[in-house]
N, C-alpha and C. Protein backbone atom coordinates (compact mmCIF):
# COMPACT_ATOMS: atom_id res chain seq x y z
N MET A 1 0.85 -1.20 0.00
CA MET A 1 0.00 0.00 0.00
C MET A 1 0.88 1.24 0.00
N THR A 2 0.63 2.13 -0.95
CA THR A 2 1.42 3.36 -1.05
C THR A 2 0.65 4.50 -0.40
N THR A 3 1.30 5.17 0.56
CA THR A 3 0.65 6.27 1.28
C THR A 3 0.97 7.60 0.62
N PRO A 4 -0.04 8.42 0.38
CA PRO A 4 0.22 9.72 -0.24
C PRO A 4 1.15 10.56 0.62
N PRO A 5 1.96 11.42 0.01
CA PRO A 5 2.85 12.29 0.79
C PRO A 5 2.03 13.24 1.64
N PRO A 6 2.64 13.83 2.70
CA PRO A 6 1.92 14.72 3.61
C PRO A 6 1.19 15.85 2.92
N ALA A 7 1.78 16.44 1.87
CA ALA A 7 1.14 17.56 1.20
C ALA A 7 -0.18 17.14 0.57
N VAL A 8 -0.21 15.93 0.01
CA VAL A 8 -1.43 15.43 -0.61
C VAL A 8 -2.47 15.12 0.45
N GLN A 9 -2.03 14.53 1.57
CA GLN A 9 -2.95 14.20 2.65
C GLN A 9 -3.60 15.46 3.21
N THR A 10 -2.84 16.55 3.29
CA THR A 10 -3.37 17.80 3.80
C THR A 10 -4.56 18.25 2.97
N ALA A 11 -4.45 18.08 1.65
CA ALA A 11 -5.54 18.48 0.77
C ALA A 11 -6.74 17.56 0.93
N LEU A 12 -6.49 16.32 1.36
CA LEU A 12 -7.56 15.35 1.46
C LEU A 12 -8.36 15.49 2.74
N TYR A 13 -7.69 15.64 3.86
CA TYR A 13 -8.41 15.67 5.14
C TYR A 13 -7.57 16.38 6.21
N PRO A 14 -8.23 17.11 7.12
CA PRO A 14 -7.49 17.89 8.14
C PRO A 14 -7.04 17.07 9.35
N ALA A 15 -6.95 15.76 9.21
CA ALA A 15 -6.40 14.90 10.26
C ALA A 15 -5.52 13.88 9.59
N ARG A 16 -4.24 13.82 9.99
CA ARG A 16 -3.28 12.99 9.28
C ARG A 16 -2.41 12.21 10.26
N LEU A 17 -2.07 11.00 9.85
CA LEU A 17 -1.23 10.14 10.68
C LEU A 17 -0.24 9.39 9.82
N GLU A 18 1.02 9.48 10.19
CA GLU A 18 2.08 8.72 9.52
C GLU A 18 2.97 8.09 10.60
N ILE A 19 3.34 6.84 10.39
CA ILE A 19 4.27 6.16 11.28
C ILE A 19 5.41 5.61 10.43
N VAL A 20 6.62 5.97 10.77
CA VAL A 20 7.79 5.58 9.98
C VAL A 20 8.04 4.08 10.15
N TYR A 21 8.17 3.40 9.03
CA TYR A 21 8.45 1.97 9.07
C TYR A 21 9.90 1.74 9.49
N GLN A 22 10.10 0.85 10.46
CA GLN A 22 11.43 0.62 11.00
C GLN A 22 11.81 -0.85 10.85
N GLU A 23 13.07 -1.09 10.53
CA GLU A 23 13.60 -2.44 10.52
C GLU A 23 15.12 -2.40 10.69
N PRO A 24 15.70 -3.36 11.37
CA PRO A 24 15.00 -4.43 12.10
C PRO A 24 14.45 -3.92 13.43
N LEU A 25 13.53 -4.67 14.02
CA LEU A 25 12.97 -4.35 15.32
C LEU A 25 13.60 -5.24 16.39
N ASN A 26 13.64 -4.75 17.60
CA ASN A 26 14.26 -5.47 18.71
C ASN A 26 13.39 -6.64 19.14
N ARG A 27 13.93 -7.83 19.07
CA ARG A 27 13.15 -9.03 19.39
C ARG A 27 12.85 -9.14 20.88
N VAL A 28 13.82 -8.77 21.70
CA VAL A 28 13.60 -8.87 23.15
C VAL A 28 12.52 -7.89 23.60
N SER A 29 12.61 -6.65 23.11
CA SER A 29 11.60 -5.64 23.45
C SER A 29 10.22 -6.08 22.98
N THR A 30 10.17 -6.68 21.80
CA THR A 30 8.89 -7.16 21.27
C THR A 30 8.33 -8.28 22.13
N ALA A 31 9.19 -9.20 22.54
CA ALA A 31 8.73 -10.35 23.33
C ALA A 31 8.08 -9.92 24.64
N PHE A 32 8.60 -8.85 25.24
CA PHE A 32 8.08 -8.42 26.54
C PHE A 32 7.29 -7.11 26.46
N ARG A 33 6.75 -6.82 25.28
CA ARG A 33 6.05 -5.54 25.07
C ARG A 33 4.85 -5.38 26.01
N VAL A 34 4.15 -6.47 26.26
CA VAL A 34 2.96 -6.41 27.13
C VAL A 34 3.33 -5.91 28.52
N VAL A 35 4.53 -6.27 28.97
CA VAL A 35 4.99 -5.84 30.30
C VAL A 35 5.58 -4.44 30.24
N LEU A 36 6.37 -4.17 29.21
CA LEU A 36 7.06 -2.89 29.10
C LEU A 36 6.11 -1.71 28.94
N ILE A 37 4.95 -1.95 28.35
CA ILE A 37 4.03 -0.86 28.07
C ILE A 37 3.21 -0.46 29.30
N ILE A 38 3.26 -1.26 30.36
CA ILE A 38 2.40 -1.01 31.53
C ILE A 38 2.62 0.38 32.15
N PRO A 39 3.86 0.82 32.43
CA PRO A 39 4.03 2.14 33.06
C PRO A 39 3.45 3.29 32.26
N ILE A 40 3.77 3.35 30.96
CA ILE A 40 3.27 4.45 30.14
C ILE A 40 1.77 4.28 29.89
N GLY A 41 1.30 3.04 29.88
CA GLY A 41 -0.12 2.80 29.73
C GLY A 41 -0.91 3.32 30.92
N ILE A 42 -0.34 3.19 32.10
CA ILE A 42 -0.99 3.71 33.31
C ILE A 42 -1.09 5.23 33.24
N ILE A 43 0.00 5.87 32.79
CA ILE A 43 -0.01 7.33 32.66
C ILE A 43 -1.10 7.78 31.69
N LEU A 44 -1.21 7.10 30.55
CA LEU A 44 -2.23 7.45 29.57
C LEU A 44 -3.63 7.24 30.13
N SER A 45 -3.83 6.14 30.84
CA SER A 45 -5.15 5.86 31.39
C SER A 45 -5.54 6.86 32.46
N VAL A 46 -4.55 7.33 33.24
CA VAL A 46 -4.84 8.35 34.26
C VAL A 46 -5.25 9.66 33.60
N LEU A 47 -4.55 10.03 32.53
CA LEU A 47 -4.87 11.27 31.82
C LEU A 47 -6.27 11.22 31.22
N GLY A 48 -6.66 10.06 30.72
CA GLY A 48 -7.95 9.96 30.06
C GLY A 48 -9.02 9.29 30.87
N ALA A 49 -8.73 9.04 32.17
CA ALA A 49 -9.67 8.29 33.00
C ALA A 49 -10.93 9.09 33.27
N SER A 50 -12.00 8.37 33.49
CA SER A 50 -13.26 8.99 33.87
C SER A 50 -13.36 9.03 35.38
N ALA A 51 -14.01 10.04 35.87
CA ALA A 51 -14.23 10.16 37.31
C ALA A 51 -15.52 9.45 37.67
N ARG A 52 -15.50 8.66 38.75
CA ARG A 52 -16.67 7.90 39.17
C ARG A 52 -17.00 8.23 40.62
N SER A 53 -18.26 8.31 40.88
CA SER A 53 -18.70 8.58 42.25
C SER A 53 -19.82 7.62 42.61
N THR A 54 -19.87 7.24 43.88
CA THR A 54 -20.87 6.30 44.36
C THR A 54 -21.77 7.00 45.37
N VAL A 55 -23.07 6.85 45.17
CA VAL A 55 -24.04 7.47 46.06
C VAL A 55 -24.87 6.38 46.74
N ASP A 56 -24.90 6.41 48.06
CA ASP A 56 -25.71 5.46 48.84
C ASP A 56 -27.02 6.11 49.25
N VAL A 57 -28.12 5.38 49.04
CA VAL A 57 -29.43 5.84 49.47
C VAL A 57 -29.74 5.19 50.82
N VAL A 58 -29.95 6.02 51.83
CA VAL A 58 -30.16 5.54 53.21
C VAL A 58 -31.59 5.80 53.63
N ASN A 59 -32.22 4.79 54.27
CA ASN A 59 -33.58 4.99 54.75
C ASN A 59 -33.57 5.67 56.11
N GLU A 60 -34.76 5.84 56.69
CA GLU A 60 -34.86 6.58 57.95
C GLU A 60 -34.21 5.86 59.13
N ASN A 61 -33.97 4.55 58.98
CA ASN A 61 -33.31 3.79 60.05
C ASN A 61 -31.80 3.77 59.91
N GLY A 62 -31.30 4.45 58.90
CA GLY A 62 -29.86 4.51 58.70
C GLY A 62 -29.29 3.36 57.90
N ASN A 63 -30.15 2.54 57.31
CA ASN A 63 -29.69 1.41 56.52
C ASN A 63 -29.59 1.78 55.04
N VAL A 64 -28.53 1.29 54.39
CA VAL A 64 -28.35 1.55 52.97
C VAL A 64 -29.32 0.67 52.19
N VAL A 65 -30.21 1.29 51.42
CA VAL A 65 -31.20 0.54 50.68
C VAL A 65 -30.82 0.38 49.21
N SER A 66 -29.97 1.27 48.72
CA SER A 66 -29.51 1.14 47.33
C SER A 66 -28.23 1.93 47.13
N THR A 67 -27.47 1.52 46.14
CA THR A 67 -26.21 2.19 45.81
C THR A 67 -26.19 2.47 44.31
N ALA A 68 -25.83 3.68 43.97
CA ALA A 68 -25.76 4.07 42.55
C ALA A 68 -24.37 4.61 42.25
N THR A 69 -23.82 4.16 41.16
CA THR A 69 -22.50 4.63 40.72
C THR A 69 -22.68 5.49 39.48
N HIS A 70 -22.09 6.68 39.52
CA HIS A 70 -22.21 7.61 38.41
C HIS A 70 -20.82 7.87 37.81
N SER A 71 -20.77 7.96 36.52
CA SER A 71 -19.53 8.27 35.82
C SER A 71 -19.65 9.63 35.15
N THR A 72 -18.63 10.47 35.34
CA THR A 72 -18.65 11.80 34.74
C THR A 72 -18.02 11.82 33.35
N GLY A 73 -17.57 10.63 32.91
CA GLY A 73 -16.96 10.56 31.58
C GLY A 73 -15.50 10.94 31.63
N GLY A 74 -14.76 10.51 30.62
CA GLY A 74 -13.34 10.81 30.57
C GLY A 74 -13.06 12.18 30.02
N ILE A 75 -11.77 12.46 29.89
CA ILE A 75 -11.36 13.78 29.43
C ILE A 75 -11.80 14.01 27.98
N THR A 76 -11.83 12.94 27.18
CA THR A 76 -12.27 13.07 25.79
C THR A 76 -13.75 13.45 25.73
N ALA A 77 -14.56 12.81 26.56
CA ALA A 77 -15.99 13.11 26.58
C ALA A 77 -16.23 14.54 27.05
N ALA A 78 -15.49 14.96 28.09
CA ALA A 78 -15.66 16.31 28.60
C ALA A 78 -15.27 17.35 27.56
N LEU A 79 -14.18 17.07 26.83
CA LEU A 79 -13.73 18.00 25.80
C LEU A 79 -14.74 18.08 24.67
N PHE A 80 -15.34 16.93 24.33
CA PHE A 80 -16.35 16.91 23.27
C PHE A 80 -17.56 17.77 23.65
N VAL A 81 -18.06 17.58 24.86
CA VAL A 81 -19.25 18.32 25.30
C VAL A 81 -18.96 19.82 25.34
N ALA A 82 -17.82 20.19 25.92
CA ALA A 82 -17.46 21.61 26.02
C ALA A 82 -17.29 22.24 24.64
N THR A 83 -16.63 21.52 23.73
CA THR A 83 -16.41 22.05 22.39
C THR A 83 -17.72 22.18 21.62
N ALA A 84 -18.58 21.18 21.73
CA ALA A 84 -19.87 21.22 21.04
C ALA A 84 -20.69 22.41 21.51
N LEU A 85 -20.69 22.67 22.81
CA LEU A 85 -21.45 23.80 23.35
C LEU A 85 -20.87 25.13 22.88
N MET A 86 -19.54 25.22 22.84
CA MET A 86 -18.90 26.45 22.38
C MET A 86 -19.21 26.73 20.91
N ILE A 87 -19.17 25.69 20.09
CA ILE A 87 -19.48 25.87 18.68
C ILE A 87 -20.95 26.22 18.49
N LEU A 88 -21.81 25.56 19.24
CA LEU A 88 -23.25 25.77 19.11
C LEU A 88 -23.68 27.17 19.54
N PHE A 89 -23.20 27.62 20.71
CA PHE A 89 -23.69 28.88 21.27
C PHE A 89 -22.79 30.08 21.01
N ARG A 90 -21.49 29.85 20.86
CA ARG A 90 -20.57 30.98 20.69
C ARG A 90 -19.85 30.97 19.35
N GLN A 91 -19.97 29.87 18.62
CA GLN A 91 -19.27 29.70 17.35
C GLN A 91 -17.77 29.96 17.51
N ARG A 92 -17.21 29.30 18.52
CA ARG A 92 -15.78 29.41 18.81
C ARG A 92 -15.21 28.04 19.15
N TYR A 93 -13.91 27.91 18.90
CA TYR A 93 -13.15 26.72 19.28
C TYR A 93 -11.86 27.23 19.92
N PRO A 94 -11.84 27.36 21.27
CA PRO A 94 -10.66 27.94 21.93
C PRO A 94 -9.37 27.24 21.51
N ARG A 95 -8.36 28.02 21.17
CA ARG A 95 -7.12 27.45 20.66
C ARG A 95 -6.45 26.55 21.69
N TRP A 96 -6.53 26.92 22.97
CA TRP A 96 -5.83 26.10 23.96
C TRP A 96 -6.52 24.76 24.15
N TRP A 97 -7.85 24.69 23.91
CA TRP A 97 -8.54 23.40 23.92
C TRP A 97 -8.02 22.53 22.79
N PHE A 98 -7.90 23.14 21.62
CA PHE A 98 -7.41 22.42 20.45
C PHE A 98 -5.98 21.93 20.67
N ASP A 99 -5.12 22.79 21.19
CA ASP A 99 -3.72 22.41 21.42
C ASP A 99 -3.62 21.24 22.40
N PHE A 100 -4.45 21.27 23.44
CA PHE A 100 -4.44 20.16 24.39
C PHE A 100 -4.90 18.87 23.71
N ALA A 101 -6.00 18.95 22.94
CA ALA A 101 -6.52 17.76 22.25
C ALA A 101 -5.48 17.21 21.28
N LEU A 102 -4.76 18.09 20.59
CA LEU A 102 -3.73 17.66 19.64
C LEU A 102 -2.61 16.92 20.35
N GLN A 103 -2.10 17.49 21.44
CA GLN A 103 -0.99 16.85 22.15
C GLN A 103 -1.43 15.54 22.81
N PHE A 104 -2.66 15.49 23.29
CA PHE A 104 -3.16 14.25 23.89
C PHE A 104 -3.32 13.18 22.82
N ALA A 105 -3.80 13.57 21.64
CA ALA A 105 -3.94 12.62 20.54
C ALA A 105 -2.57 12.11 20.10
N ARG A 106 -1.58 12.99 20.07
CA ARG A 106 -0.24 12.57 19.68
C ARG A 106 0.36 11.59 20.68
N PHE A 107 0.19 11.90 21.96
CA PHE A 107 0.70 11.00 23.00
C PHE A 107 0.01 9.65 22.92
N SER A 108 -1.31 9.65 22.75
CA SER A 108 -2.07 8.41 22.65
C SER A 108 -1.60 7.59 21.45
N ALA A 109 -1.31 8.28 20.34
CA ALA A 109 -0.86 7.58 19.13
C ALA A 109 0.50 6.94 19.34
N ARG A 110 1.39 7.63 20.07
CA ARG A 110 2.72 7.05 20.34
C ARG A 110 2.61 5.80 21.20
N VAL A 111 1.75 5.86 22.21
CA VAL A 111 1.55 4.69 23.07
C VAL A 111 0.92 3.56 22.26
N GLY A 112 -0.07 3.90 21.42
CA GLY A 112 -0.71 2.90 20.61
C GLY A 112 0.24 2.24 19.62
N ALA A 113 1.11 3.04 19.01
CA ALA A 113 2.08 2.50 18.06
C ALA A 113 3.06 1.56 18.76
N TYR A 114 3.47 1.91 19.96
CA TYR A 114 4.38 1.06 20.73
C TYR A 114 3.69 -0.25 21.10
N GLY A 115 2.45 -0.16 21.53
CA GLY A 115 1.70 -1.36 21.91
C GLY A 115 1.41 -2.25 20.72
N ALA A 116 1.25 -1.65 19.53
CA ALA A 116 0.98 -2.43 18.33
C ALA A 116 2.26 -2.92 17.65
N LEU A 117 3.39 -2.74 18.30
CA LEU A 117 4.70 -3.23 17.84
C LEU A 117 5.21 -2.48 16.61
N LEU A 118 4.62 -1.33 16.31
CA LEU A 118 5.01 -0.57 15.12
C LEU A 118 6.33 0.16 15.30
N THR A 119 6.78 0.30 16.53
CA THR A 119 8.04 0.99 16.82
C THR A 119 8.66 0.40 18.07
N ASP A 120 9.97 0.51 18.16
CA ASP A 120 10.70 0.04 19.35
C ASP A 120 10.93 1.16 20.36
N ARG A 121 10.78 2.39 19.93
CA ARG A 121 11.09 3.53 20.80
C ARG A 121 10.01 3.69 21.85
N TYR A 122 10.44 3.75 23.11
CA TYR A 122 9.48 3.89 24.19
C TYR A 122 8.76 5.23 24.05
N PRO A 123 7.43 5.26 24.21
CA PRO A 123 6.67 6.50 23.96
C PRO A 123 7.13 7.67 24.82
N SER A 124 7.38 8.77 24.15
CA SER A 124 7.77 10.00 24.83
C SER A 124 6.54 10.83 25.13
N THR A 125 6.60 11.58 26.21
CA THR A 125 5.50 12.50 26.53
C THR A 125 5.70 13.84 25.84
N VAL A 126 6.83 14.00 25.15
CA VAL A 126 7.16 15.29 24.54
C VAL A 126 7.50 15.14 23.06
N GLU A 127 8.44 14.26 22.73
CA GLU A 127 8.97 14.16 21.38
C GLU A 127 8.02 13.46 20.43
N GLU A 128 8.08 13.86 19.16
CA GLU A 128 7.23 13.27 18.13
C GLU A 128 7.63 11.84 17.82
N GLN A 129 8.94 11.54 17.88
CA GLN A 129 9.50 10.24 17.55
C GLN A 129 9.11 9.84 16.13
N SER A 130 8.74 8.58 15.92
CA SER A 130 8.43 8.12 14.56
C SER A 130 6.95 8.21 14.23
N VAL A 131 6.15 8.74 15.16
CA VAL A 131 4.71 8.86 14.95
C VAL A 131 4.38 10.31 14.66
N ARG A 132 3.88 10.58 13.48
CA ARG A 132 3.59 11.95 13.05
C ARG A 132 2.08 12.13 12.90
N LEU A 133 1.50 12.82 13.83
CA LEU A 133 0.05 13.06 13.83
C LEU A 133 -0.19 14.56 13.78
N ASP A 134 -1.03 14.99 12.86
CA ASP A 134 -1.33 16.40 12.71
C ASP A 134 -2.83 16.62 12.56
N LEU A 135 -3.31 17.68 13.19
CA LEU A 135 -4.70 18.11 13.06
C LEU A 135 -4.69 19.58 12.67
N ASP A 136 -5.61 19.98 11.82
CA ASP A 136 -5.70 21.38 11.40
C ASP A 136 -6.66 22.14 12.29
N TYR A 137 -6.20 23.27 12.80
CA TYR A 137 -7.07 24.11 13.64
C TYR A 137 -8.17 24.72 12.76
N PRO A 138 -9.42 24.59 13.14
CA PRO A 138 -10.52 25.03 12.27
C PRO A 138 -10.81 26.53 12.36
N ASP A 139 -11.25 27.06 11.25
CA ASP A 139 -11.84 28.40 11.23
C ASP A 139 -13.33 28.17 11.47
N VAL A 140 -13.78 28.36 12.70
CA VAL A 140 -15.13 27.94 13.09
C VAL A 140 -16.20 28.60 12.24
N GLU A 141 -16.12 29.91 12.07
CA GLU A 141 -17.15 30.62 11.33
C GLU A 141 -17.21 30.21 9.87
N ARG A 142 -16.08 29.85 9.31
CA ARG A 142 -16.03 29.49 7.90
C ARG A 142 -16.24 28.00 7.66
N ASP A 143 -15.67 27.15 8.55
CA ASP A 143 -15.60 25.72 8.27
C ASP A 143 -16.59 24.86 9.06
N LEU A 144 -17.13 25.36 10.16
CA LEU A 144 -17.96 24.52 11.02
C LEU A 144 -19.39 25.03 11.12
N SER A 145 -20.33 24.11 11.03
CA SER A 145 -21.74 24.43 11.21
C SER A 145 -22.09 24.38 12.68
N ARG A 146 -22.91 25.31 13.14
CA ARG A 146 -23.26 25.36 14.56
C ARG A 146 -24.01 24.12 15.04
N GLY A 147 -24.95 23.65 14.24
CA GLY A 147 -25.80 22.56 14.70
C GLY A 147 -25.26 21.17 14.44
N LEU A 148 -24.31 21.04 13.52
CA LEU A 148 -23.82 19.71 13.14
C LEU A 148 -23.18 18.91 14.27
N PRO A 149 -22.47 19.54 15.24
CA PRO A 149 -21.90 18.74 16.33
C PRO A 149 -22.93 17.90 17.09
N LEU A 150 -24.19 18.29 17.05
CA LEU A 150 -25.23 17.55 17.77
C LEU A 150 -25.56 16.22 17.11
N VAL A 151 -25.26 16.08 15.82
CA VAL A 151 -25.63 14.85 15.11
C VAL A 151 -24.44 14.11 14.51
N LYS A 152 -23.23 14.64 14.68
CA LYS A 152 -22.07 13.98 14.07
C LYS A 152 -21.88 12.57 14.60
N TRP A 153 -22.15 12.36 15.88
CA TRP A 153 -22.00 11.02 16.47
C TRP A 153 -22.90 10.02 15.75
N PHE A 154 -24.09 10.49 15.34
CA PHE A 154 -25.04 9.63 14.64
C PHE A 154 -24.59 9.39 13.21
N LEU A 155 -24.15 10.44 12.55
CA LEU A 155 -23.70 10.33 11.17
C LEU A 155 -22.47 9.43 11.04
N ALA A 156 -21.69 9.32 12.13
CA ALA A 156 -20.46 8.53 12.09
C ALA A 156 -20.69 7.05 12.40
N ILE A 157 -21.92 6.65 12.68
CA ILE A 157 -22.21 5.26 13.03
C ILE A 157 -21.70 4.26 11.98
N PRO A 158 -21.90 4.51 10.68
CA PRO A 158 -21.34 3.56 9.70
C PRO A 158 -19.84 3.34 9.85
N HIS A 159 -19.12 4.40 10.19
CA HIS A 159 -17.69 4.26 10.42
C HIS A 159 -17.40 3.39 11.64
N TYR A 160 -18.16 3.60 12.71
CA TYR A 160 -17.95 2.80 13.91
C TYR A 160 -18.15 1.32 13.63
N VAL A 161 -19.15 1.00 12.82
CA VAL A 161 -19.43 -0.40 12.49
C VAL A 161 -18.27 -1.00 11.71
N VAL A 162 -17.82 -0.28 10.68
CA VAL A 162 -16.72 -0.78 9.87
C VAL A 162 -15.44 -0.91 10.69
N LEU A 163 -15.17 0.10 11.53
CA LEU A 163 -13.96 0.06 12.35
C LEU A 163 -13.97 -1.09 13.35
N ALA A 164 -15.15 -1.47 13.82
CA ALA A 164 -15.25 -2.60 14.75
C ALA A 164 -14.77 -3.88 14.07
N PHE A 165 -15.14 -4.06 12.80
CA PHE A 165 -14.67 -5.24 12.05
C PHE A 165 -13.18 -5.13 11.74
N LEU A 166 -12.74 -3.94 11.36
CA LEU A 166 -11.33 -3.74 11.05
C LEU A 166 -10.45 -3.96 12.28
N ALA A 167 -10.98 -3.64 13.46
CA ALA A 167 -10.22 -3.81 14.69
C ALA A 167 -9.89 -5.28 14.94
N VAL A 168 -10.79 -6.16 14.54
CA VAL A 168 -10.51 -7.60 14.66
C VAL A 168 -9.30 -7.96 13.82
N GLY A 169 -9.25 -7.41 12.61
CA GLY A 169 -8.11 -7.64 11.75
C GLY A 169 -6.83 -7.07 12.32
N VAL A 170 -6.94 -5.95 13.03
CA VAL A 170 -5.76 -5.34 13.66
C VAL A 170 -5.20 -6.27 14.74
N VAL A 171 -6.07 -6.83 15.55
CA VAL A 171 -5.62 -7.74 16.61
C VAL A 171 -4.91 -8.95 16.01
N VAL A 172 -5.49 -9.53 14.97
CA VAL A 172 -4.88 -10.68 14.30
C VAL A 172 -3.54 -10.28 13.68
N SER A 173 -3.49 -9.11 13.07
CA SER A 173 -2.25 -8.63 12.44
C SER A 173 -1.14 -8.46 13.46
N ILE A 174 -1.47 -7.92 14.62
CA ILE A 174 -0.46 -7.69 15.66
C ILE A 174 0.08 -9.02 16.18
N ILE A 175 -0.81 -10.00 16.34
CA ILE A 175 -0.37 -11.33 16.81
C ILE A 175 0.57 -11.97 15.80
N ILE A 176 0.20 -11.90 14.53
CA ILE A 176 1.07 -12.45 13.48
C ILE A 176 2.40 -11.70 13.44
N ALA A 177 2.33 -10.37 13.55
CA ALA A 177 3.55 -9.56 13.51
C ALA A 177 4.45 -9.88 14.70
N TRP A 178 3.86 -10.16 15.85
CA TRP A 178 4.66 -10.50 17.04
C TRP A 178 5.55 -11.71 16.76
N PHE A 179 4.95 -12.75 16.19
CA PHE A 179 5.73 -13.95 15.86
C PHE A 179 6.74 -13.65 14.75
N ALA A 180 6.33 -12.86 13.77
CA ALA A 180 7.24 -12.54 12.66
C ALA A 180 8.46 -11.78 13.16
N ILE A 181 8.26 -10.85 14.08
CA ILE A 181 9.39 -10.07 14.61
C ILE A 181 10.32 -10.96 15.43
N LEU A 182 9.74 -11.86 16.21
CA LEU A 182 10.56 -12.76 17.03
C LEU A 182 11.45 -13.62 16.15
N PHE A 183 10.95 -14.06 15.00
CA PHE A 183 11.72 -14.96 14.14
C PHE A 183 12.58 -14.24 13.11
N THR A 184 12.11 -13.08 12.63
CA THR A 184 12.83 -12.40 11.54
C THR A 184 13.34 -11.01 11.91
N GLY A 185 12.80 -10.44 12.99
CA GLY A 185 13.19 -9.09 13.38
C GLY A 185 12.49 -8.02 12.55
N ARG A 186 11.51 -8.40 11.74
CA ARG A 186 10.84 -7.46 10.86
C ARG A 186 9.31 -7.57 10.98
N TYR A 187 8.67 -6.42 10.85
CA TYR A 187 7.20 -6.35 10.85
C TYR A 187 6.77 -6.47 9.39
N PRO A 188 6.01 -7.50 9.03
CA PRO A 188 5.58 -7.63 7.62
C PRO A 188 4.95 -6.33 7.13
N ARG A 189 5.46 -5.80 6.02
CA ARG A 189 5.06 -4.47 5.58
C ARG A 189 3.56 -4.37 5.30
N VAL A 190 2.98 -5.42 4.74
CA VAL A 190 1.55 -5.37 4.43
C VAL A 190 0.72 -5.26 5.71
N LEU A 191 1.16 -5.93 6.77
CA LEU A 191 0.45 -5.85 8.05
C LEU A 191 0.68 -4.48 8.69
N PHE A 192 1.90 -3.97 8.57
CA PHE A 192 2.22 -2.65 9.11
C PHE A 192 1.32 -1.59 8.48
N ASP A 193 1.22 -1.62 7.14
CA ASP A 193 0.40 -0.63 6.45
C ASP A 193 -1.07 -0.77 6.82
N TYR A 194 -1.53 -1.99 7.04
CA TYR A 194 -2.93 -2.20 7.42
C TYR A 194 -3.22 -1.62 8.80
N VAL A 195 -2.36 -1.91 9.78
CA VAL A 195 -2.57 -1.43 11.14
C VAL A 195 -2.52 0.10 11.18
N VAL A 196 -1.55 0.68 10.49
CA VAL A 196 -1.45 2.15 10.44
C VAL A 196 -2.66 2.73 9.72
N GLY A 197 -3.11 2.07 8.67
CA GLY A 197 -4.26 2.55 7.92
C GLY A 197 -5.53 2.58 8.77
N VAL A 198 -5.74 1.56 9.57
CA VAL A 198 -6.91 1.54 10.46
C VAL A 198 -6.80 2.65 11.49
N ALA A 199 -5.60 2.85 12.03
CA ALA A 199 -5.40 3.93 12.99
C ALA A 199 -5.66 5.29 12.36
N ARG A 200 -5.24 5.45 11.10
CA ARG A 200 -5.47 6.70 10.37
C ARG A 200 -6.97 6.92 10.16
N TRP A 201 -7.68 5.87 9.80
CA TRP A 201 -9.12 5.94 9.60
C TRP A 201 -9.81 6.36 10.90
N ALA A 202 -9.42 5.70 12.00
CA ALA A 202 -10.01 6.01 13.30
C ALA A 202 -9.74 7.46 13.71
N LEU A 203 -8.55 7.96 13.39
CA LEU A 203 -8.21 9.34 13.71
C LEU A 203 -9.12 10.31 12.97
N ARG A 204 -9.39 10.04 11.70
CA ARG A 204 -10.26 10.92 10.93
C ARG A 204 -11.67 10.94 11.50
N VAL A 205 -12.15 9.78 11.94
CA VAL A 205 -13.48 9.72 12.54
C VAL A 205 -13.49 10.48 13.87
N GLN A 206 -12.42 10.34 14.64
CA GLN A 206 -12.31 11.08 15.90
C GLN A 206 -12.29 12.58 15.65
N ALA A 207 -11.55 13.00 14.61
CA ALA A 207 -11.48 14.43 14.29
C ALA A 207 -12.84 14.98 13.91
N TYR A 208 -13.63 14.17 13.21
CA TYR A 208 -14.96 14.59 12.75
C TYR A 208 -16.00 14.55 13.86
N ALA A 209 -16.12 13.41 14.54
CA ALA A 209 -17.22 13.21 15.48
C ALA A 209 -16.85 13.43 16.94
N GLY A 210 -15.56 13.41 17.26
CA GLY A 210 -15.13 13.56 18.64
C GLY A 210 -14.50 14.92 18.93
N LEU A 211 -13.48 15.25 18.17
CA LEU A 211 -12.80 16.53 18.36
C LEU A 211 -13.51 17.68 17.68
N LEU A 212 -14.35 17.36 16.69
CA LEU A 212 -15.20 18.35 16.02
C LEU A 212 -14.41 19.44 15.29
N ILE A 213 -13.26 19.08 14.74
CA ILE A 213 -12.44 20.10 14.08
C ILE A 213 -12.80 20.29 12.61
N THR A 214 -13.68 19.43 12.09
CA THR A 214 -14.05 19.54 10.69
C THR A 214 -15.47 19.04 10.46
N ASP A 215 -16.11 19.57 9.44
CA ASP A 215 -17.43 19.10 9.02
C ASP A 215 -17.33 18.19 7.79
N ARG A 216 -16.13 17.99 7.30
CA ARG A 216 -15.93 17.12 6.14
C ARG A 216 -16.05 15.67 6.56
N TYR A 217 -16.99 14.95 5.95
CA TYR A 217 -17.24 13.57 6.34
C TYR A 217 -16.01 12.71 6.04
N PRO A 218 -15.60 11.86 6.99
CA PRO A 218 -14.39 11.06 6.79
C PRO A 218 -14.55 10.07 5.63
N PRO A 219 -13.53 9.89 4.83
CA PRO A 219 -13.58 8.91 3.75
C PRO A 219 -13.46 7.49 4.31
N PHE A 220 -14.06 6.54 3.63
CA PHE A 220 -13.94 5.13 4.00
C PHE A 220 -12.67 4.60 3.33
N SER A 221 -11.55 4.87 3.95
CA SER A 221 -10.27 4.52 3.33
C SER A 221 -9.19 4.36 4.38
N LEU A 222 -8.26 3.44 4.09
CA LEU A 222 -7.10 3.25 4.96
C LEU A 222 -5.98 4.20 4.57
N ARG A 223 -6.08 4.82 3.41
CA ARG A 223 -5.00 5.67 2.91
C ARG A 223 -5.05 7.04 3.57
């Protein structure tokens, strides 16, 4: 699979992902990747974790009659709600919200690439490394419709369905790649391009329905 150069991708969609193909890959690091990724995985989960609270209902005798657990949603959900409201009522997308979402997406992509065996470099919280993710800051008044954020989640349902099936292929590809790297030190290029392509597709859907940076409907494509 041939990936268009960055300049061409920019013209196609305002969310782009490239991961540099590396060879050979470290066999020892690959063998213990599930263990090695735990520390940085914990950091990512803490950053994106949802807050949960438990409420006990007590009767007049002081006995707990029911317990309810409420979730306030993760940082991604909170950012989506806040951004949707700002676009709807103020027609604005604060730059610092966008910058935070961009850096969080980049960090998540680096951790994901490491976990998917696409790179040997331990995910940095600062450096781009071999994972290049870019999002275009929107001109809200020109590029975004006020009411569309309310229905984008619904319009993106076909993508969610397709991505669910593609995700199964990603899991299988990573398992095959794990054995291939252990024996040959190389990630089969066709599997590498497939896994990166699915990640690129998911990023475009996130940019459209989650981050709300564009009204351009995501293409059904791995490229």
